Amino acid sequence: MKFVNYSLIIEDLFGVQIKFHWSILPAMFIFSGFFFQPVRFLSFFVLILIHEVGHALIIRSFSFKNHELIIHGVGGACVWSGFATQKQKSIIAWGGILAQLLVFIIFLLLPNFVNFQSYHSFWDQIFRTLFREYRKQIKE
């Protein structure tokens, strides 16, 4: 692990370099509505990472070379090389969306199997990250 050009770099994790740019920190704070919500910060960060890993897994399935995953305040990037057809490029692009969709489905179904009452604040922050305002308070 090293710090280069404003990025924390994890060298060669599963053959891929992972870079965390400093801009992810203020982005997490802005995304949380300027409130200190550590679980929501982490959820935001992990969701971006899952999206980029979705791209990386599809790239690996096509036997192309993953070079690095970059996580920054505006999202992320997956740097890779290989001679891909238009169809393969499209599938790679959808890899991130499909990874997020899987997380969405899991968390959409999770309340049917888990009682969230004892950890309401913790789960509320995660659901707000995934679904923004997943439930509206109705005032009468």
C-alpha atoms as a PDB file:
ATOM      1  CA  MET A   1       0.000   0.000   0.000  1.00  0.00           C
ATOM      2  CA  LYS A   2       1.321   3.443  -0.921  1.00  0.00           C
ATOM      3  CA  PHE A   3       0.145   6.997  -1.451  1.00  0.00           C
ATOM      4  CA  VAL A   4       0.870   8.478  -4.913  1.00  0.00           C
ATOM      5  CA  ASN A   5      -0.681  11.485  -6.703  1.00  0.00           C
ATOM      6  CA  TYR A   6      -3.406  11.999  -4.096  1.00  0.00           C
ATOM      7  CA  SER A   7      -4.442   8.340  -4.276  1.00  0.00           C
ATOM      8  CA  LEU A   8      -4.071   5.463  -1.876  1.00  0.00           C
ATOM      9  CA  ILE A   9      -2.914   2.517  -3.968  1.00  0.00           C
ATOM     10  CA  ILE A  10      -3.331  -1.137  -3.101  1.00  0.00           C
ATOM     11  CA  GLU A  11      -0.858  -3.000  -5.244  1.00  0.00           C
ATOM     12  CA  ASP A  12      -1.847  -6.127  -7.085  1.00  0.00           C
ATOM     13  CA  LEU A  13      -5.017  -7.364  -5.420  1.00  0.00           C
ATOM     14  CA  PHE A  14      -6.009 -10.394  -7.530  1.00  0.00           C
ATOM     15  CA  GLY A  15      -3.746  -9.051 -10.258  1.00  0.00           C
ATOM     16  CA  VAL A  16      -5.419  -5.624 -10.299  1.00  0.00           C
ATOM     17  CA  GLN A  17      -4.153  -2.361  -8.835  1.00  0.00           C
ATOM     18  CA  ILE A  18      -6.831  -0.530  -6.822  1.00  0.00           C
ATOM     19  CA  LYS A  19      -6.632   3.252  -6.389  1.00  0.00           C
ATOM     20  CA  PHE A  20      -8.680   5.267  -3.938  1.00  0.00           C
ATOM     21  CA  HIS A  21      -8.556   8.970  -4.827  1.00  0.00           C
ATOM     22  CA  TRP A  22      -8.871  11.507  -2.000  1.00  0.00           C
ATOM     23  CA  SER A  23     -12.022  12.968  -3.609  1.00  0.00           C
ATOM     24  CA  ILE A  24     -14.046   9.984  -2.397  1.00  0.00           C
ATOM     25  CA  LEU A  25     -13.943  11.406   1.151  1.00  0.00           C
ATOM     26  CA  PRO A  26     -15.713  14.741   0.507  1.00  0.00           C
ATOM     27  CA  ALA A  27     -18.066  12.999  -1.933  1.00  0.00           C
ATOM     28  CA  MET A  28     -19.210  10.622   0.817  1.00  0.00           C
ATOM     29  CA  PHE A  29     -19.874  13.596   3.103  1.00  0.00           C
ATOM     30  CA  ILE A  30     -21.784  15.503   0.392  1.00  0.00           C
ATOM     31  CA  PHE A  31     -23.792  12.393  -0.544  1.00  0.00           C
ATOM     32  CA  SER A  32     -24.877  11.951   3.080  1.00  0.00           C
ATOM     33  CA  GLY A  33     -26.390  15.451   3.108  1.00  0.00           C
ATOM     34  CA  PHE A  34     -23.478  16.883   5.125  1.00  0.00           C
ATOM     35  CA  PHE A  35     -24.283  14.685   8.109  1.00  0.00           C
ATOM     36  CA  PHE A  36     -21.800  12.438   9.853  1.00  0.00           C
ATOM     37  CA  GLN A  37     -23.162   8.997   8.969  1.00  0.00           C
ATOM     38  CA  PRO A  38     -20.254   6.527   8.879  1.00  0.00           C
ATOM     39  CA  VAL A  39     -22.374   3.588   7.735  1.00  0.00           C
ATOM     40  CA  ARG A  40     -23.756   5.629   4.860  1.00  0.00           C
ATOM     41  CA  PHE A  41     -20.214   6.760   3.960  1.00  0.00           C
ATOM     42  CA  LEU A  42     -19.092   3.145   3.825  1.00  0.00           C
ATOM     43  CA  SER A  43     -22.192   2.062   1.879  1.00  0.00           C
ATOM     44  CA  PHE A  44     -21.529   4.725  -0.766  1.00  0.00           C
ATOM     45  CA  PHE A  45     -17.909   3.656  -1.057  1.00  0.00           C
ATOM     46  CA  VAL A  46     -18.736  -0.061  -1.231  1.00  0.00           C
ATOM     47  CA  LEU A  47     -21.453   0.491  -3.848  1.00  0.00           C
ATOM     48  CA  ILE A  48     -18.972   2.229  -6.154  1.00  0.00           C
ATOM     49  CA  LEU A  49     -16.453  -0.550  -5.542  1.00  0.00           C
ATOM     50  CA  ILE A  50     -19.063  -3.236  -6.322  1.00  0.00           C
ATOM     51  CA  HIS A  51     -19.960  -1.434  -9.552  1.00  0.00           C
ATOM     52  CA  GLU A  52     -16.317  -1.376 -10.689  1.00  0.00           C
ATOM     53  CA  VAL A  53     -15.765  -4.990  -9.641  1.00  0.00           C
ATOM     54  CA  GLY A  54     -18.786  -5.886 -11.815  1.00  0.00           C
ATOM     55  CA  HIS A  55     -16.947  -4.460 -14.826  1.00  0.00           C
ATOM     56  CA  ALA A  56     -13.728  -6.224 -13.797  1.00  0.00           C
ATOM     57  CA  LEU A  57     -15.397  -9.635 -13.480  1.00  0.00           C
ATOM     58  CA  ILE A  58     -16.883  -9.408 -16.974  1.00  0.00           C
ATOM     59  CA  ILE A  59     -13.514  -8.266 -18.339  1.00  0.00           C
ATOM     60  CA  ARG A  60     -11.837 -11.259 -16.712  1.00  0.00           C
ATOM     61  CA  SER A  61     -14.509 -13.611 -18.075  1.00  0.00           C
ATOM     62  CA  PHE A  62     -13.561 -12.452 -21.592  1.00  0.00           C
ATOM     63  CA  SER A  63      -9.880 -13.114 -20.753  1.00  0.00           C
ATOM     64  CA  PHE A  64      -8.914  -9.464 -21.166  1.00  0.00           C
ATOM     65  CA  LYS A  65      -6.370  -7.795 -18.873  1.00  0.00           C
ATOM     66  CA  ASN A  66      -7.568  -5.750 -15.887  1.00  0.00           C
ATOM     67  CA  HIS A  67      -5.016  -3.090 -14.995  1.00  0.00           C
ATOM     68  CA  GLU A  68      -6.610  -1.003 -12.270  1.00  0.00           C
ATOM     69  CA  LEU A  69      -9.805  -0.019 -10.514  1.00  0.00           C
ATOM     70  CA  ILE A  70     -10.046   3.642  -9.566  1.00  0.00           C
ATOM     71  CA  ILE A  71     -12.518   4.838  -6.945  1.00  0.00           C
ATOM     72  CA  HIS A  72     -13.034   8.624  -6.820  1.00  0.00           C
ATOM     73  CA  GLY A  73     -15.595  11.205  -5.796  1.00  0.00           C
ATOM     74  CA  VAL A  74     -17.543  11.141  -9.047  1.00  0.00           C
ATOM     75  CA  GLY A  75     -17.690   7.344  -9.267  1.00  0.00           C
ATOM     76  CA  GLY A  76     -14.979   5.097 -10.543  1.00  0.00           C
ATOM     77  CA  ALA A  77     -13.170   3.656 -13.493  1.00  0.00           C
ATOM     78  CA  CYS A  78     -12.019   0.237 -14.588  1.00  0.00           C
ATOM     79  CA  VAL A  79      -8.878   0.360 -16.730  1.00  0.00           C
ATOM     80  CA  TRP A  80      -8.369  -2.673 -18.948  1.00  0.00           C
ATOM     81  CA  SER A  81      -6.887  -3.740 -22.253  1.00  0.00           C
ATOM     82  CA  GLY A  82      -7.807  -6.206 -24.962  1.00  0.00           C
ATOM     83  CA  PHE A  83      -9.350  -6.356 -28.405  1.00  0.00           C
ATOM     84  CA  ALA A  84     -13.060  -6.425 -27.704  1.00  0.00           C
ATOM     85  CA  THR A  85     -15.941  -6.465 -30.145  1.00  0.00           C
ATOM     86  CA  GLN A  86     -18.725  -3.898 -29.814  1.00  0.00           C
ATOM     87  CA  LYS A  87     -20.909  -6.559 -28.220  1.00  0.00           C
ATOM     88  CA  GLN A  88     -18.217  -7.407 -25.654  1.00  0.00           C
ATOM     89  CA  LYS A  89     -17.710  -3.713 -24.838  1.00  0.00           C
ATOM     90  CA  SER A  90     -21.441  -3.379 -24.286  1.00  0.00           C
ATOM     91  CA  ILE A  91     -21.499  -6.394 -21.972  1.00  0.00           C
ATOM     92  CA  ILE A  92     -18.516  -5.009 -20.044  1.00  0.00           C
ATOM     93  CA  ALA A  93     -20.304  -1.673 -19.665  1.00  0.00           C
ATOM     94  CA  TRP A  94     -23.364  -3.467 -18.295  1.00  0.00           C
ATOM     95  CA  GLY A  95     -21.222  -5.429 -15.812  1.00  0.00           C
ATOM     96  CA  GLY A  96     -21.258  -2.577 -13.311  1.00  0.00           C
ATOM     97  CA  ILE A  97     -25.002  -2.086 -13.595  1.00  0.00           C
ATOM     98  CA  LEU A  98     -25.653  -5.809 -13.171  1.00  0.00           C
ATOM     99  CA  ALA A  99     -23.467  -5.903 -10.043  1.00  0.00           C
ATOM    100  CA  GLN A 100     -25.468  -3.005  -8.578  1.00  0.00           C
ATOM    101  CA  LEU A 101     -28.721  -4.654  -9.619  1.00  0.00           C
ATOM    102  CA  LEU A 102     -27.731  -7.781  -7.706  1.00  0.00           C
ATOM    103  CA  VAL A 103     -27.086  -5.683  -4.572  1.00  0.00           C
ATOM    104  CA  PHE A 104     -30.400  -3.871  -5.111  1.00  0.00           C
ATOM    105  CA  ILE A 105     -32.343  -7.148  -5.346  1.00  0.00           C
ATOM    106  CA  ILE A 106     -30.629  -8.578  -2.264  1.00  0.00           C
ATOM    107  CA  PHE A 107     -31.453  -5.499  -0.194  1.00  0.00           C
ATOM    108  CA  LEU A 108     -34.957  -5.303  -1.599  1.00  0.00           C
ATOM    109  CA  LEU A 109     -35.643  -8.869  -0.453  1.00  0.00           C
ATOM    110  CA  LEU A 110     -33.636  -8.711   2.789  1.00  0.00           C
ATOM    111  CA  PRO A 111     -36.393  -7.138   4.948  1.00  0.00           C
ATOM    112  CA  ASN A 112     -38.503 -10.250   4.322  1.00  0.00           C
ATOM    113  CA  PHE A 113     -35.921 -12.406   6.108  1.00  0.00           C
ATOM    114  CA  VAL A 114     -34.244 -10.129   8.662  1.00  0.00           C
ATOM    115  CA  ASN A 115     -35.685  -8.141  11.550  1.00  0.00           C
ATOM    116  CA  PHE A 116     -34.141  -4.679  11.323  1.00  0.00           C
ATOM    117  CA  GLN A 117     -35.700  -3.222  14.481  1.00  0.00           C
ATOM    118  CA  SER A 118     -32.687  -3.729  16.746  1.00  0.00           C
ATOM    119  CA  TYR A 119     -30.271  -2.136  14.258  1.00  0.00           C
ATOM    120  CA  HIS A 120     -32.650   0.365  12.689  1.00  0.00           C
ATOM    121  CA  SER A 121     -30.181   3.271  12.432  1.00  0.00           C
ATOM    122  CA  PHE A 122     -27.479   1.093  10.852  1.00  0.00           C
ATOM    123  CA  TRP A 123     -29.775  -0.436   8.218  1.00  0.00           C
ATOM    124  CA  ASP A 124     -31.567   2.836   7.600  1.00  0.00           C
ATOM    125  CA  GLN A 125     -28.284   4.424   6.478  1.00  0.00           C
ATOM    126  CA  ILE A 126     -27.576   1.530   4.111  1.00  0.00           C
ATOM    127  CA  PHE A 127     -31.083   1.607   2.609  1.00  0.00           C
ATOM    128  CA  ARG A 128     -30.880   5.364   2.145  1.00  0.00           C
ATOM    129  CA  THR A 129     -27.638   4.879   0.213  1.00  0.00           C
ATOM    130  CA  LEU A 130     -29.141   2.230  -2.037  1.00  0.00           C
ATOM    131  CA  PHE A 131     -32.604   3.683  -2.517  1.00  0.00           C
ATOM    132  CA  ARG A 132     -32.128   7.364  -1.597  1.00  0.00           C
ATOM    133  CA  GLU A 133     -35.336   8.003   0.287  1.00  0.00           C
ATOM    134  CA  TYR A 134     -36.672   4.460   0.307  1.00  0.00           C
ATOM    135  CA  ARG A 135     -39.640   5.449   2.378  1.00  0.00           C
ATOM    136  CA  LYS A 136     -41.415   8.759   2.768  1.00  0.00           C
ATOM    137  CA  GLN A 137     -42.719  10.031   6.044  1.00  0.00           C
ATOM    138  CA  ILE A 138     -46.360  11.023   5.617  1.00  0.00           C
ATOM    139  CA  LYS A 139     -47.385  13.901   7.851  1.00  0.00           C
ATOM    140  CA  GLU A 140     -51.027  14.333   8.663  1.00  0.00           C
END
